[in-house]
Amino acid sequence: MATPGTQASEPQQLPNHKVKIKKHQQRSCNEKDAKGKFCGGHLKRWFYMTDVVEQGCGDVAKTWGADAEVYRCEHCKTLYLPNPEEAAGVNVAGQGQISVFGLTLPPKV
């Protein structure tokens, strides 16, 4: 049973889904259609355990378990596994500002 964090360069394909690995900081789909144009749909975190259509198929849950990190294109429905080189759980917008609440600041002189 493969897990998303231990993939080789080519991910295991599922019978009813096309599977790819995200490139570093990739946020849109790079799948080409029949004419050779990029899809360009946004990649969104896919919670497949609550998806009614996926419950009928069940490929993803059988292969990667109930709580794997999987992204899906909003247009062509291609599945993307996270890039093993990226840190898990980091916001794509960056760290943001660090809060100063609760910190002891030195008095002004």
C-alpha atoms as a PDB file:
ATOM      1  CA  MET A   1       0.000   0.000   0.000  1.00  0.00           C
ATOM      2  CA  ALA A   2       1.635   3.193  -1.157  1.00  0.00           C
ATOM      3  CA  THR A   3       1.423   6.458   0.721  1.00  0.00           C
ATOM      4  CA  PRO A   4       1.595   9.886  -0.921  1.00  0.00           C
ATOM      5  CA  GLY A   5       4.863  10.786   0.816  1.00  0.00           C
ATOM      6  CA  THR A   6       6.779   7.796  -0.556  1.00  0.00           C
ATOM      7  CA  GLN A   7       6.065   8.103  -4.264  1.00  0.00           C
ATOM      8  CA  ALA A   8       8.634   7.532  -6.972  1.00  0.00           C
ATOM      9  CA  SER A   9       8.900   9.985  -9.868  1.00  0.00           C
ATOM     10  CA  GLU A  10       5.813   8.403 -11.471  1.00  0.00           C
ATOM     11  CA  PRO A  11       2.777   7.981  -9.177  1.00  0.00           C
ATOM     12  CA  GLN A  12       0.622   4.861  -9.142  1.00  0.00           C
ATOM     13  CA  GLN A  13      -2.290   5.316 -11.552  1.00  0.00           C
ATOM     14  CA  LEU A  14      -5.792   4.471 -10.409  1.00  0.00           C
ATOM     15  CA  PRO A  15      -8.402   2.790 -12.637  1.00  0.00           C
ATOM     16  CA  ASN A  16     -10.841   5.725 -12.627  1.00  0.00           C
ATOM     17  CA  HIS A  17      -8.496   8.693 -11.988  1.00  0.00           C
ATOM     18  CA  LYS A  18      -5.455  10.290 -13.622  1.00  0.00           C
ATOM     19  CA  VAL A  19      -2.811  10.887 -10.932  1.00  0.00           C
ATOM     20  CA  LYS A  20       0.154  13.289 -11.062  1.00  0.00           C
ATOM     21  CA  ILE A  21       2.613  14.777  -8.566  1.00  0.00           C
ATOM     22  CA  LYS A  22       2.505  18.532  -8.005  1.00  0.00           C
ATOM     23  CA  LYS A  23       5.555  20.524  -9.011  1.00  0.00           C
ATOM     24  CA  HIS A  24       7.150  22.885  -6.495  1.00  0.00           C
ATOM     25  CA  GLN A  25       4.550  25.537  -5.514  1.00  0.00           C
ATOM     26  CA  GLN A  26       2.192  24.484  -8.315  1.00  0.00           C
ATOM     27  CA  ARG A  27      -1.317  25.884  -7.868  1.00  0.00           C
ATOM     28  CA  SER A  28      -2.959  25.250 -11.246  1.00  0.00           C
ATOM     29  CA  CYS A  29      -3.422  22.169 -13.410  1.00  0.00           C
ATOM     30  CA  ASN A  30      -0.880  21.476 -16.143  1.00  0.00           C
ATOM     31  CA  GLU A  31      -2.795  18.664 -17.858  1.00  0.00           C
ATOM     32  CA  LYS A  32      -3.128  19.065 -21.628  1.00  0.00           C
ATOM     33  CA  ASP A  33      -6.392  18.438 -23.478  1.00  0.00           C
ATOM     34  CA  ALA A  34      -6.845  16.843 -26.929  1.00  0.00           C
ATOM     35  CA  LYS A  35      -5.859  20.106 -28.646  1.00  0.00           C
ATOM     36  CA  GLY A  36      -2.664  20.447 -26.590  1.00  0.00           C
ATOM     37  CA  LYS A  37      -3.890  23.348 -24.447  1.00  0.00           C
ATOM     38  CA  PHE A  38      -3.294  23.452 -20.705  1.00  0.00           C
ATOM     39  CA  CYS A  39      -6.341  22.992 -18.506  1.00  0.00           C
ATOM     40  CA  GLY A  40      -5.288  25.706 -16.020  1.00  0.00           C
ATOM     41  CA  GLY A  41      -7.890  24.815 -13.376  1.00  0.00           C
ATOM     42  CA  HIS A  42      -7.111  25.569  -9.729  1.00  0.00           C
ATOM     43  CA  LEU A  43      -5.850  22.711  -7.603  1.00  0.00           C
ATOM     44  CA  LYS A  44      -7.963  22.407  -4.489  1.00  0.00           C
ATOM     45  CA  ARG A  45      -7.583  20.109  -1.515  1.00  0.00           C
ATOM     46  CA  TRP A  46      -9.954  17.216  -2.115  1.00  0.00           C
ATOM     47  CA  PHE A  47     -11.670  15.621   0.846  1.00  0.00           C
ATOM     48  CA  TYR A  48     -12.619  12.447  -0.984  1.00  0.00           C
ATOM     49  CA  MET A  49     -14.186  10.715   2.017  1.00  0.00           C
ATOM     50  CA  THR A  50     -17.132  13.156   1.853  1.00  0.00           C
ATOM     51  CA  ASP A  51     -17.472  13.038  -1.954  1.00  0.00           C
ATOM     52  CA  VAL A  52     -20.558  10.996  -2.885  1.00  0.00           C
ATOM     53  CA  VAL A  53     -19.270  10.100  -6.351  1.00  0.00           C
ATOM     54  CA  GLU A  54     -15.926   8.889  -4.956  1.00  0.00           C
ATOM     55  CA  GLN A  55     -17.698   6.790  -2.323  1.00  0.00           C
ATOM     56  CA  GLY A  56     -19.208   4.751  -5.153  1.00  0.00           C
ATOM     57  CA  CYS A  57     -15.793   4.245  -6.750  1.00  0.00           C
ATOM     58  CA  GLY A  58     -13.606   3.967  -3.632  1.00  0.00           C
ATOM     59  CA  ASP A  59     -10.250   3.825  -5.482  1.00  0.00           C
ATOM     60  CA  VAL A  60      -8.582   6.655  -3.589  1.00  0.00           C
ATOM     61  CA  ALA A  61      -9.549   5.480  -0.101  1.00  0.00           C
ATOM     62  CA  LYS A  62      -8.432   1.917  -0.860  1.00  0.00           C
ATOM     63  CA  THR A  63      -5.084   3.041  -2.258  1.00  0.00           C
ATOM     64  CA  TRP A  64      -4.028   5.875   0.093  1.00  0.00           C
ATOM     65  CA  GLY A  65      -6.253   5.506   3.153  1.00  0.00           C
ATOM     66  CA  ALA A  66      -8.897   7.748   4.665  1.00  0.00           C
ATOM     67  CA  ASP A  67      -6.927  10.962   5.300  1.00  0.00           C
ATOM     68  CA  ALA A  68      -4.300  11.363   2.568  1.00  0.00           C
ATOM     69  CA  GLU A  69      -3.412  14.825   1.257  1.00  0.00           C
ATOM     70  CA  VAL A  70      -4.801  14.868  -2.291  1.00  0.00           C
ATOM     71  CA  TYR A  71      -5.500  17.836  -4.571  1.00  0.00           C
ATOM     72  CA  ARG A  72      -7.923  17.810  -7.508  1.00  0.00           C
ATOM     73  CA  CYS A  73      -8.254  20.096 -10.521  1.00  0.00           C
ATOM     74  CA  GLU A  74     -11.581  21.900 -10.468  1.00  0.00           C
ATOM     75  CA  HIS A  75     -12.048  21.467 -14.248  1.00  0.00           C
ATOM     76  CA  CYS A  76     -10.575  18.190 -15.507  1.00  0.00           C
ATOM     77  CA  LYS A  77     -10.649  16.362 -12.109  1.00  0.00           C
ATOM     78  CA  THR A  78      -7.011  15.192 -12.372  1.00  0.00           C
ATOM     79  CA  LEU A  79      -5.656  14.179  -8.960  1.00  0.00           C
ATOM     80  CA  TYR A  80      -2.377  15.613  -7.681  1.00  0.00           C
ATOM     81  CA  LEU A  81      -0.275  14.244  -4.856  1.00  0.00           C
ATOM     82  CA  PRO A  82       1.796  16.710  -2.812  1.00  0.00           C
ATOM     83  CA  ASN A  83       5.387  17.349  -3.788  1.00  0.00           C
ATOM     84  CA  PRO A  84       7.639  15.444  -1.342  1.00  0.00           C
ATOM     85  CA  GLU A  85      10.127  18.364  -1.343  1.00  0.00           C
ATOM     86  CA  GLU A  86       7.546  20.881  -0.051  1.00  0.00           C
ATOM     87  CA  ALA A  87       6.802  21.266   3.624  1.00  0.00           C
ATOM     88  CA  ALA A  88       3.413  19.856   4.561  1.00  0.00           C
ATOM     89  CA  GLY A  89       0.827  22.168   6.075  1.00  0.00           C
ATOM     90  CA  VAL A  90       2.449  25.439   4.940  1.00  0.00           C
ATOM     91  CA  ASN A  91       0.097  28.102   3.635  1.00  0.00           C
ATOM     92  CA  VAL A  92       0.712  28.834  -0.049  1.00  0.00           C
ATOM     93  CA  ALA A  93       0.427  32.566   0.662  1.00  0.00           C
ATOM     94  CA  GLY A  94       3.486  32.490   2.917  1.00  0.00           C
ATOM     95  CA  GLN A  95       4.094  32.899   6.621  1.00  0.00           C
ATOM     96  CA  GLY A  96       2.437  36.286   7.013  1.00  0.00           C
ATOM     97  CA  GLN A  97       3.157  38.785   9.772  1.00  0.00           C
ATOM     98  CA  ILE A  98       4.269  37.537  13.147  1.00  0.00           C
ATOM     99  CA  SER A  99       1.995  38.672  15.950  1.00  0.00           C
ATOM    100  CA  VAL A 100       3.434  40.825  18.717  1.00  0.00           C
ATOM    101  CA  PHE A 101       0.563  40.149  21.116  1.00  0.00           C
ATOM    102  CA  GLY A 102       1.729  38.462  24.280  1.00  0.00           C
ATOM    103  CA  LEU A 103       5.363  39.388  23.732  1.00  0.00           C
ATOM    104  CA  THR A 104       7.292  41.576  26.125  1.00  0.00           C
ATOM    105  CA  LEU A 105       8.603  44.518  24.180  1.00  0.00           C
ATOM    106  CA  PRO A 106      11.550  46.548  25.470  1.00  0.00           C
ATOM    107  CA  PRO A 107      10.551  50.021  26.697  1.00  0.00           C
ATOM    108  CA  LYS A 108      11.281  53.007  24.493  1.00  0.00           C
ATOM    109  CA  VAL A 109      14.301  55.014  25.633  1.00  0.00           C
END
